[in-house]
Amino acid sequence: MRFLYRNATLLVAISLLAGCGILATTPDTTRHSSVPGYDLVAAIRAAGDREKSIIDVNPLRDPSVTALQDAAQRDEQTGKYADAAARLDQAIRLSPTSPDLLQERAEIAVRLRDFGAAEKLAHQSWSLGPKLGPLCARNWQTVVEMRLQASDVAGAQTARKWVQQCHKAGIPRY
């Protein structure tokens, strides 16, 4: 009887620890967007801000495209995401191979909760872009966030590796 009681107590303790995640062997990479206040787009843009690569491509822009980008940014800041999307779509029609426009549109697609389009646009942006630097990091962080939305932990982990590959260190100068 005493043996049975000790084993039952041990099983209860192990069950409680397992339920708390203390015994987990892999980090929890579940969807964090369910956490109140988590902003997917802020996480995507932060990846670009953190990327301090030697490579940072900033293309020359047609003034009409710049005006549409600026208007889209104002629309986003005021929560008019559909209007921002429409303005960026206009800009993309004027400059269809612009990776930065495609990434901005991907981020607005995230705001509109069109996760499939966001991931597709991020991939398009990456394929046309420099494949290094802040834009690259934003592209792949978008894929990370969209894979997490789809509960694809393995896909998110693979995309995280690509975010890291966007970095190109500078030459040390002494």
N, C-alpha and C. Protein backbone atom coordinates (compact mmCIF):
# COMPACT_ATOMS: atom_id res chain seq x y z
N MET A 1 0.82 -1.19 0.00
CA MET A 1 0.00 0.00 0.00
C MET A 1 0.87 1.26 0.00
N ARG A 2 1.89 1.28 0.83
CA ARG A 2 2.79 2.42 0.92
C ARG A 2 3.47 2.66 -0.43
N PHE A 3 3.87 1.60 -1.14
CA PHE A 3 4.51 1.67 -2.45
C PHE A 3 3.56 2.32 -3.46
N LEU A 4 2.31 1.92 -3.44
CA LEU A 4 1.30 2.45 -4.35
C LEU A 4 1.09 3.94 -4.11
N TYR A 5 1.06 4.35 -2.84
CA TYR A 5 0.85 5.76 -2.48
C TYR A 5 2.02 6.61 -2.98
N ARG A 6 3.27 6.14 -2.78
CA ARG A 6 4.44 6.89 -3.24
C ARG A 6 4.44 7.04 -4.76
N ASN A 7 4.12 5.98 -5.47
CA ASN A 7 4.09 6.04 -6.93
C ASN A 7 3.00 6.97 -7.43
N ALA A 8 1.85 6.95 -6.79
CA ALA A 8 0.76 7.83 -7.18
C ALA A 8 1.16 9.29 -6.96
N THR A 9 1.81 9.57 -5.85
CA THR A 9 2.26 10.93 -5.55
C THR A 9 3.30 11.38 -6.57
N LEU A 10 4.21 10.49 -6.91
CA LEU A 10 5.22 10.80 -7.91
C LEU A 10 4.59 11.08 -9.27
N LEU A 11 3.62 10.28 -9.66
CA LEU A 11 2.93 10.49 -10.94
C LEU A 11 2.20 11.82 -10.98
N VAL A 12 1.57 12.20 -9.89
CA VAL A 12 0.86 13.48 -9.82
C VAL A 12 1.86 14.63 -9.95
N ALA A 13 2.99 14.53 -9.26
CA ALA A 13 4.00 15.58 -9.32
C ALA A 13 4.55 15.72 -10.73
N ILE A 14 4.84 14.62 -11.39
CA ILE A 14 5.36 14.66 -12.75
C ILE A 14 4.32 15.25 -13.69
N SER A 15 3.08 14.88 -13.52
CA SER A 15 2.01 15.41 -14.37
C SER A 15 1.90 16.92 -14.22
N LEU A 16 1.98 17.39 -12.98
CA LEU A 16 1.90 18.84 -12.76
C LEU A 16 3.08 19.57 -13.40
N LEU A 17 4.28 19.02 -13.24
CA LEU A 17 5.45 19.65 -13.85
C LEU A 17 5.36 19.64 -15.36
N ALA A 18 4.90 18.56 -15.93
CA ALA A 18 4.76 18.49 -17.39
C ALA A 18 3.73 19.49 -17.87
N GLY A 19 2.65 19.66 -17.14
CA GLY A 19 1.62 20.62 -17.52
C GLY A 19 2.11 22.04 -17.48
N CYS A 20 3.05 22.33 -16.61
CA CYS A 20 3.61 23.67 -16.51
C CYS A 20 4.68 23.94 -17.57
N GLY A 21 5.08 22.92 -18.27
CA GLY A 21 6.09 23.11 -19.31
C GLY A 21 7.51 23.05 -18.80
N ILE A 22 7.70 22.71 -17.51
CA ILE A 22 9.04 22.67 -16.95
C ILE A 22 9.87 21.56 -17.59
N LEU A 23 9.21 20.48 -17.97
CA LEU A 23 9.92 19.35 -18.56
C LEU A 23 10.04 19.45 -20.07
N ALA A 24 9.59 20.52 -20.65
CA ALA A 24 9.65 20.66 -22.11
C ALA A 24 11.11 20.70 -22.56
N THR A 25 11.38 20.01 -23.67
CA THR A 25 12.76 19.97 -24.16
C THR A 25 13.01 20.96 -25.28
N THR A 26 11.95 21.47 -25.88
CA THR A 26 12.12 22.45 -26.95
C THR A 26 11.42 23.74 -26.56
N PRO A 27 11.93 24.87 -27.04
CA PRO A 27 11.29 26.14 -26.69
C PRO A 27 9.90 26.25 -27.30
N ASP A 28 9.06 26.97 -26.62
CA ASP A 28 7.70 27.17 -27.09
C ASP A 28 7.71 28.21 -28.20
N THR A 29 7.35 27.78 -29.40
CA THR A 29 7.30 28.70 -30.54
C THR A 29 5.89 28.76 -31.10
N THR A 30 4.90 28.64 -30.23
CA THR A 30 3.52 28.72 -30.68
C THR A 30 3.19 30.14 -31.07
N ARG A 31 2.02 30.31 -31.59
CA ARG A 31 1.61 31.64 -32.04
C ARG A 31 1.61 32.60 -30.88
N HIS A 32 2.43 33.62 -30.97
CA HIS A 32 2.48 34.62 -29.92
C HIS A 32 1.57 35.80 -30.24
N SER A 33 0.95 35.77 -31.39
CA SER A 33 0.05 36.86 -31.73
C SER A 33 -1.23 36.81 -30.89
N SER A 34 -1.44 35.66 -30.22
CA SER A 34 -2.60 35.58 -29.35
C SER A 34 -2.35 36.30 -28.02
N VAL A 35 -1.10 36.68 -27.79
CA VAL A 35 -0.76 37.43 -26.59
C VAL A 35 -1.30 38.85 -26.76
N PRO A 36 -2.08 39.32 -25.81
CA PRO A 36 -2.62 40.69 -25.95
C PRO A 36 -1.51 41.72 -26.12
N GLY A 37 -1.69 42.60 -27.07
CA GLY A 37 -0.73 43.66 -27.31
C GLY A 37 0.40 43.29 -28.25
N TYR A 38 0.47 42.03 -28.69
CA TYR A 38 1.54 41.63 -29.62
C TYR A 38 1.20 42.16 -31.00
N ASP A 39 2.11 42.91 -31.57
CA ASP A 39 1.90 43.53 -32.88
C ASP A 39 2.80 42.84 -33.89
N LEU A 40 2.19 42.06 -34.79
CA LEU A 40 2.94 41.32 -35.81
C LEU A 40 3.79 42.26 -36.66
N VAL A 41 3.21 43.35 -37.10
CA VAL A 41 3.93 44.27 -37.99
C VAL A 41 5.09 44.93 -37.25
N ALA A 42 4.90 45.26 -35.99
CA ALA A 42 6.00 45.83 -35.21
C ALA A 42 7.14 44.83 -35.09
N ALA A 43 6.82 43.55 -34.92
CA ALA A 43 7.86 42.52 -34.84
C ALA A 43 8.60 42.40 -36.17
N ILE A 44 7.88 42.50 -37.26
CA ILE A 44 8.49 42.42 -38.59
C ILE A 44 9.42 43.61 -38.81
N ARG A 45 8.96 44.79 -38.50
CA ARG A 45 9.77 45.99 -38.71
C ARG A 45 10.96 46.03 -37.76
N ALA A 46 10.78 45.51 -36.56
CA ALA A 46 11.89 45.45 -35.60
C ALA A 46 13.02 44.58 -36.11
N ALA A 47 12.68 43.51 -36.83
CA ALA A 47 13.72 42.65 -37.41
C ALA A 47 14.58 43.45 -38.38
N GLY A 48 13.95 44.31 -39.16
CA GLY A 48 14.71 45.17 -40.08
C GLY A 48 15.52 46.21 -39.33
N ASP A 49 14.95 46.76 -38.27
CA ASP A 49 15.66 47.77 -37.48
C ASP A 49 16.88 47.17 -36.77
N ARG A 50 16.76 45.92 -36.33
CA ARG A 50 17.87 45.25 -35.64
C ARG A 50 19.00 44.87 -36.58
N GLU A 51 18.68 44.72 -37.84
CA GLU A 51 19.67 44.26 -38.82
C GLU A 51 20.66 45.38 -39.11
N LYS A 52 21.85 45.24 -38.60
CA LYS A 52 22.90 46.23 -38.79
C LYS A 52 23.94 45.71 -39.77
N SER A 53 23.45 45.25 -40.90
CA SER A 53 24.31 44.70 -41.93
C SER A 53 25.04 45.82 -42.65
N ILE A 54 26.13 45.49 -43.27
CA ILE A 54 26.86 46.46 -44.08
C ILE A 54 26.07 46.81 -45.33
N ILE A 55 25.11 45.93 -45.68
CA ILE A 55 24.29 46.12 -46.88
C ILE A 55 22.95 46.75 -46.50
N ASP A 56 22.62 47.85 -47.13
CA ASP A 56 21.31 48.48 -46.97
C ASP A 56 21.01 49.22 -48.27
N VAL A 57 20.18 48.62 -49.10
CA VAL A 57 19.88 49.16 -50.42
C VAL A 57 18.67 50.09 -50.32
N ASN A 58 18.82 51.30 -50.81
CA ASN A 58 17.73 52.27 -50.85
C ASN A 58 17.62 52.79 -52.27
N PRO A 59 16.64 52.29 -53.02
CA PRO A 59 16.55 52.66 -54.43
C PRO A 59 16.08 54.11 -54.62
N LEU A 60 16.46 54.66 -55.77
CA LEU A 60 15.92 55.96 -56.16
C LEU A 60 14.46 55.76 -56.52
N ARG A 61 13.62 56.70 -56.19
CA ARG A 61 12.19 56.50 -56.34
C ARG A 61 11.58 57.60 -57.18
N ASP A 62 10.62 57.23 -57.99
CA ASP A 62 9.80 58.16 -58.76
C ASP A 62 8.99 58.99 -57.75
N PRO A 63 8.92 60.31 -57.91
CA PRO A 63 8.20 61.14 -56.95
C PRO A 63 6.72 60.74 -56.76
N SER A 64 6.08 60.26 -57.82
CA SER A 64 4.67 59.86 -57.67
C SER A 64 4.56 58.60 -56.80
N VAL A 65 5.53 57.71 -56.89
CA VAL A 65 5.54 56.51 -56.04
C VAL A 65 5.80 56.92 -54.60
N THR A 66 6.73 57.84 -54.40
CA THR A 66 7.03 58.32 -53.05
C THR A 66 5.79 58.97 -52.43
N ALA A 67 5.06 59.74 -53.21
CA ALA A 67 3.84 60.38 -52.70
C ALA A 67 2.82 59.32 -52.27
N LEU A 68 2.67 58.25 -53.06
CA LEU A 68 1.74 57.18 -52.70
C LEU A 68 2.20 56.44 -51.45
N GLN A 69 3.51 56.22 -51.33
CA GLN A 69 4.06 55.57 -50.13
C GLN A 69 3.79 56.43 -48.90
N ASP A 70 4.03 57.71 -49.01
CA ASP A 70 3.80 58.62 -47.88
C ASP A 70 2.33 58.63 -47.48
N ALA A 71 1.44 58.66 -48.47
CA ALA A 71 0.00 58.65 -48.18
C ALA A 71 -0.40 57.33 -47.53
N ALA A 72 0.17 56.23 -48.01
CA ALA A 72 -0.13 54.92 -47.42
C ALA A 72 0.33 54.86 -45.97
N GLN A 73 1.48 55.44 -45.70
CA GLN A 73 1.99 55.47 -44.33
C GLN A 73 1.05 56.27 -43.42
N ARG A 74 0.57 57.41 -43.92
CA ARG A 74 -0.39 58.21 -43.13
C ARG A 74 -1.68 57.41 -42.89
N ASP A 75 -2.15 56.73 -43.94
CA ASP A 75 -3.36 55.91 -43.79
C ASP A 75 -3.15 54.81 -42.75
N GLU A 76 -1.99 54.18 -42.78
CA GLU A 76 -1.72 53.12 -41.80
C GLU A 76 -1.70 53.69 -40.38
N GLN A 77 -1.07 54.84 -40.21
CA GLN A 77 -0.98 55.45 -38.88
C GLN A 77 -2.34 55.81 -38.31
N THR A 78 -3.31 56.07 -39.19
CA THR A 78 -4.66 56.41 -38.72
C THR A 78 -5.59 55.20 -38.74
N GLY A 79 -5.04 54.02 -39.03
CA GLY A 79 -5.84 52.80 -39.00
C GLY A 79 -6.66 52.53 -40.25
N LYS A 80 -6.40 53.27 -41.32
CA LYS A 80 -7.12 53.07 -42.58
C LYS A 80 -6.32 52.10 -43.46
N TYR A 81 -6.32 50.84 -43.03
CA TYR A 81 -5.47 49.84 -43.68
C TYR A 81 -5.91 49.53 -45.11
N ALA A 82 -7.20 49.51 -45.37
CA ALA A 82 -7.67 49.25 -46.74
C ALA A 82 -7.23 50.37 -47.67
N ASP A 83 -7.29 51.62 -47.20
CA ASP A 83 -6.82 52.75 -48.00
C ASP A 83 -5.32 52.67 -48.24
N ALA A 84 -4.57 52.29 -47.20
CA ALA A 84 -3.12 52.13 -47.35
C ALA A 84 -2.81 51.06 -48.38
N ALA A 85 -3.56 49.97 -48.34
CA ALA A 85 -3.36 48.88 -49.30
C ALA A 85 -3.62 49.37 -50.72
N ALA A 86 -4.70 50.13 -50.90
CA ALA A 86 -5.04 50.63 -52.23
C ALA A 86 -3.94 51.56 -52.76
N ARG A 87 -3.40 52.41 -51.91
CA ARG A 87 -2.34 53.32 -52.35
C ARG A 87 -1.07 52.56 -52.70
N LEU A 88 -0.74 51.55 -51.89
CA LEU A 88 0.45 50.76 -52.21
C LEU A 88 0.25 49.93 -53.47
N ASP A 89 -0.98 49.47 -53.69
CA ASP A 89 -1.26 48.75 -54.94
C ASP A 89 -1.04 49.67 -56.15
N GLN A 90 -1.44 50.93 -56.01
CA GLN A 90 -1.20 51.90 -57.09
C GLN A 90 0.30 52.08 -57.32
N ALA A 91 1.04 52.21 -56.23
CA ALA A 91 2.49 52.40 -56.33
C ALA A 91 3.15 51.18 -56.97
N ILE A 92 2.67 50.00 -56.64
CA ILE A 92 3.23 48.78 -57.22
C ILE A 92 2.93 48.70 -58.71
N ARG A 93 1.76 49.20 -59.13
CA ARG A 93 1.47 49.23 -60.57
C ARG A 93 2.46 50.13 -61.30
N LEU A 94 2.90 51.20 -60.64
CA LEU A 94 3.88 52.11 -61.25
C LEU A 94 5.30 51.54 -61.20
N SER A 95 5.58 50.74 -60.18
CA SER A 95 6.92 50.19 -59.99
C SER A 95 6.79 48.73 -59.51
N PRO A 96 6.42 47.82 -60.42
CA PRO A 96 6.08 46.45 -60.04
C PRO A 96 7.23 45.59 -59.54
N THR A 97 8.45 45.99 -59.78
CA THR A 97 9.58 45.18 -59.33
C THR A 97 10.30 45.80 -58.14
N SER A 98 9.61 46.64 -57.41
CA SER A 98 10.20 47.32 -56.26
C SER A 98 10.04 46.46 -55.00
N PRO A 99 11.14 45.87 -54.51
CA PRO A 99 11.02 44.99 -53.36
C PRO A 99 10.55 45.69 -52.09
N ASP A 100 10.92 46.95 -51.90
CA ASP A 100 10.48 47.64 -50.69
C ASP A 100 8.97 47.91 -50.72
N LEU A 101 8.43 48.23 -51.89
CA LEU A 101 6.97 48.42 -52.01
C LEU A 101 6.23 47.11 -51.73
N LEU A 102 6.76 46.02 -52.26
CA LEU A 102 6.12 44.72 -52.03
C LEU A 102 6.13 44.36 -50.55
N GLN A 103 7.24 44.66 -49.87
CA GLN A 103 7.30 44.36 -48.43
C GLN A 103 6.34 45.26 -47.64
N GLU A 104 6.28 46.52 -48.00
CA GLU A 104 5.33 47.42 -47.32
C GLU A 104 3.90 46.92 -47.52
N ARG A 105 3.61 46.45 -48.72
CA ARG A 105 2.26 45.92 -49.00
C ARG A 105 2.02 44.63 -48.21
N ALA A 106 3.08 43.82 -48.03
CA ALA A 106 2.96 42.60 -47.21
C ALA A 106 2.60 42.97 -45.78
N GLU A 107 3.20 44.01 -45.27
CA GLU A 107 2.93 44.43 -43.89
C GLU A 107 1.51 44.95 -43.74
N ILE A 108 1.01 45.62 -44.76
CA ILE A 108 -0.39 46.06 -44.71
C ILE A 108 -1.32 44.85 -44.83
N ALA A 109 -0.93 43.86 -45.61
CA ALA A 109 -1.73 42.63 -45.69
C ALA A 109 -1.81 41.97 -44.31
N VAL A 110 -0.73 42.03 -43.54
CA VAL A 110 -0.77 41.51 -42.16
C VAL A 110 -1.78 42.31 -41.35
N ARG A 111 -1.75 43.62 -41.47
CA ARG A 111 -2.72 44.47 -40.74
C ARG A 111 -4.16 44.09 -41.12
N LEU A 112 -4.35 43.72 -42.38
CA LEU A 112 -5.68 43.33 -42.86
C LEU A 112 -5.98 41.86 -42.57
N ARG A 113 -5.04 41.17 -41.93
CA ARG A 113 -5.16 39.76 -41.56
C ARG A 113 -5.29 38.85 -42.79
N ASP A 114 -4.69 39.27 -43.90
CA ASP A 114 -4.62 38.47 -45.11
C ASP A 114 -3.24 37.82 -45.12
N PHE A 115 -3.09 36.80 -44.28
CA PHE A 115 -1.78 36.21 -44.03
C PHE A 115 -1.20 35.50 -45.24
N GLY A 116 -2.03 34.88 -46.06
CA GLY A 116 -1.54 34.22 -47.27
C GLY A 116 -0.91 35.22 -48.23
N ALA A 117 -1.58 36.34 -48.44
CA ALA A 117 -1.05 37.38 -49.33
C ALA A 117 0.22 37.98 -48.74
N ALA A 118 0.25 38.17 -47.44
CA ALA A 118 1.42 38.75 -46.79
C ALA A 118 2.66 37.89 -47.03
N GLU A 119 2.51 36.59 -46.85
CA GLU A 119 3.66 35.70 -47.05
C GLU A 119 4.08 35.68 -48.51
N LYS A 120 3.12 35.66 -49.41
CA LYS A 120 3.43 35.65 -50.84
C LYS A 120 4.18 36.93 -51.24
N LEU A 121 3.70 38.07 -50.76
CA LEU A 121 4.34 39.35 -51.08
C LEU A 121 5.75 39.42 -50.50
N ALA A 122 5.93 38.90 -49.29
CA ALA A 122 7.26 38.90 -48.67
C ALA A 122 8.24 38.06 -49.49
N HIS A 123 7.77 36.90 -49.96
CA HIS A 123 8.62 36.06 -50.82
C HIS A 123 8.96 36.78 -52.13
N GLN A 124 7.97 37.45 -52.73
CA GLN A 124 8.22 38.21 -53.97
C GLN A 124 9.26 39.30 -53.72
N SER A 125 9.09 40.01 -52.62
CA SER A 125 10.02 41.08 -52.28
C SER A 125 11.43 40.53 -52.13
N TRP A 126 11.56 39.41 -51.43
CA TRP A 126 12.88 38.82 -51.22
C TRP A 126 13.49 38.40 -52.56
N SER A 127 12.68 37.80 -53.42
CA SER A 127 13.22 37.31 -54.70
C SER A 127 13.72 38.47 -55.58
N LEU A 128 13.13 39.65 -55.44
CA LEU A 128 13.55 40.82 -56.23
C LEU A 128 14.58 41.69 -55.50
N GLY A 129 14.69 41.49 -54.20
CA GLY A 129 15.53 42.36 -53.38
C GLY A 129 16.98 41.93 -53.29
N PRO A 130 17.73 42.60 -52.42
CA PRO A 130 19.17 42.37 -52.31
C PRO A 130 19.55 41.07 -51.58
N LYS A 131 18.60 40.43 -50.91
CA LYS A 131 18.82 39.18 -50.18
C LYS A 131 19.79 39.33 -49.02
N LEU A 132 20.04 40.54 -48.61
CA LEU A 132 20.85 40.87 -47.45
C LEU A 132 20.31 42.16 -46.85
N GLY A 133 20.60 42.39 -45.59
CA GLY A 133 20.26 43.66 -44.97
C GLY A 133 18.87 43.73 -44.37
N PRO A 134 18.45 44.94 -44.00
CA PRO A 134 17.19 45.14 -43.29
C PRO A 134 15.95 44.67 -44.05
N LEU A 135 15.90 44.92 -45.36
CA LEU A 135 14.73 44.49 -46.12
C LEU A 135 14.61 42.97 -46.12
N CYS A 136 15.72 42.30 -46.30
CA CYS A 136 15.76 40.84 -46.25
C CYS A 136 15.25 40.34 -44.90
N ALA A 137 15.71 40.96 -43.82
CA ALA A 137 15.28 40.56 -42.48
C ALA A 137 13.77 40.74 -42.31
N ARG A 138 13.24 41.84 -42.83
CA ARG A 138 11.79 42.06 -42.76
C ARG A 138 11.04 41.02 -43.59
N ASN A 139 11.58 40.68 -44.77
CA ASN A 139 10.94 39.65 -45.60
C ASN A 139 10.81 38.35 -44.83
N TRP A 140 11.92 37.90 -44.27
CA TRP A 140 11.90 36.59 -43.60
C TRP A 140 11.19 36.63 -42.27
N GLN A 141 11.21 37.77 -41.58
CA GLN A 141 10.43 37.85 -40.32
C GLN A 141 8.95 37.80 -40.64
N THR A 142 8.55 38.33 -41.78
CA THR A 142 7.15 38.21 -42.20
C THR A 142 6.80 36.74 -42.38
N VAL A 143 7.69 35.99 -43.01
CA VAL A 143 7.44 34.56 -43.20
C VAL A 143 7.38 33.86 -41.84
N VAL A 144 8.27 34.22 -40.92
CA VAL A 144 8.23 33.63 -39.57
C VAL A 144 6.86 33.85 -38.96
N GLU A 145 6.40 35.09 -38.96
CA GLU A 145 5.13 35.42 -38.32
C GLU A 145 3.96 34.72 -39.01
N MET A 146 4.00 34.62 -40.33
CA MET A 146 2.90 33.97 -41.05
C MET A 146 2.91 32.46 -40.82
N ARG A 147 4.09 31.87 -40.72
CA ARG A 147 4.17 30.44 -40.43
C ARG A 147 3.65 30.16 -39.02
N LEU A 148 3.94 31.06 -38.08
CA LEU A 148 3.40 30.89 -36.72
C LEU A 148 1.89 31.02 -36.73
N GLN A 149 1.36 31.93 -37.54
CA GLN A 149 -0.09 32.08 -37.65
C GLN A 149 -0.73 30.79 -38.17
N ALA A 150 0.00 30.09 -39.03
CA ALA A 150 -0.50 28.84 -39.61
C ALA A 150 -0.17 27.64 -38.73
N SER A 151 0.37 27.89 -37.54
CA SER A 151 0.78 26.83 -36.61
C SER A 151 1.83 25.91 -37.22
N ASP A 152 2.66 26.44 -38.09
CA ASP A 152 3.74 25.69 -38.73
C ASP A 152 5.04 26.04 -38.03
N VAL A 153 5.30 25.36 -36.91
CA VAL A 153 6.47 25.65 -36.10
C VAL A 153 7.76 25.35 -36.87
N ALA A 154 7.78 24.25 -37.60
CA ALA A 154 8.98 23.90 -38.36
C ALA A 154 9.26 24.95 -39.44
N GLY A 155 8.22 25.41 -40.12
CA GLY A 155 8.39 26.45 -41.13
C GLY A 155 8.89 27.75 -40.52
N ALA A 156 8.39 28.09 -39.34
CA ALA A 156 8.83 29.30 -38.65
C ALA A 156 10.30 29.19 -38.25
N GLN A 157 10.72 28.02 -37.78
CA GLN A 157 12.12 27.83 -37.40
C GLN A 157 13.04 27.94 -38.62
N THR A 158 12.61 27.38 -39.74
CA THR A 158 13.41 27.50 -40.97
C THR A 158 13.51 28.96 -41.40
N ALA A 159 12.41 29.68 -41.34
CA ALA A 159 12.42 31.09 -41.72
C ALA A 159 13.31 31.91 -40.79
N ARG A 160 13.34 31.56 -39.50
CA ARG A 160 14.22 32.27 -38.56
C ARG A 160 15.69 32.13 -38.98
N LYS A 161 16.04 30.96 -39.49
CA LYS A 161 17.42 30.76 -39.96
C LYS A 161 17.71 31.69 -41.13
N TRP A 162 16.71 31.90 -42.00
CA TRP A 162 16.88 32.81 -43.13
C TRP A 162 17.03 34.25 -42.67
N VAL A 163 16.31 34.63 -41.60
CA VAL A 163 16.46 35.99 -41.05
C VAL A 163 17.93 36.21 -40.69
N GLN A 164 18.53 35.22 -40.04
CA GLN A 164 19.93 35.33 -39.63
C GLN A 164 20.87 35.42 -40.83
N GLN A 165 20.51 34.79 -41.93
CA GLN A 165 21.36 34.81 -43.11
C GLN A 165 21.32 36.15 -43.85
N CYS A 166 20.44 37.03 -43.43
CA CYS A 166 20.35 38.35 -44.06
C CYS A 166 21.49 39.26 -43.63
N HIS A 167 22.22 38.88 -42.62
CA HIS A 167 23.28 39.73 -42.08
C HIS A 167 24.58 39.57 -42.86
N LYS A 168 25.17 40.67 -43.22
CA LYS A 168 26.48 40.70 -43.86
C LYS A 168 27.35 41.62 -43.02
N ALA A 169 28.29 41.01 -42.32
CA ALA A 169 29.15 41.80 -41.42
C ALA A 169 30.11 42.67 -42.22
N GLY A 170 30.45 43.79 -41.67
CA GLY A 170 31.41 44.69 -42.29
C GLY A 170 32.84 44.21 -42.07
N ILE A 171 33.76 44.80 -42.75
CA ILE A 171 35.16 44.48 -42.59
C ILE A 171 35.68 45.25 -41.37
N PRO A 172 36.29 44.54 -40.42
CA PRO A 172 36.81 45.26 -39.24
C PRO A 172 37.93 46.23 -39.67
N ARG A 173 37.81 47.44 -39.21
CA ARG A 173 38.82 48.45 -39.51
C ARG A 173 39.41 48.91 -38.20
N TYR A 174 40.72 48.82 -38.12
CA TYR A 174 41.40 49.15 -36.87
C TYR A 174 42.19 50.40 -36.98
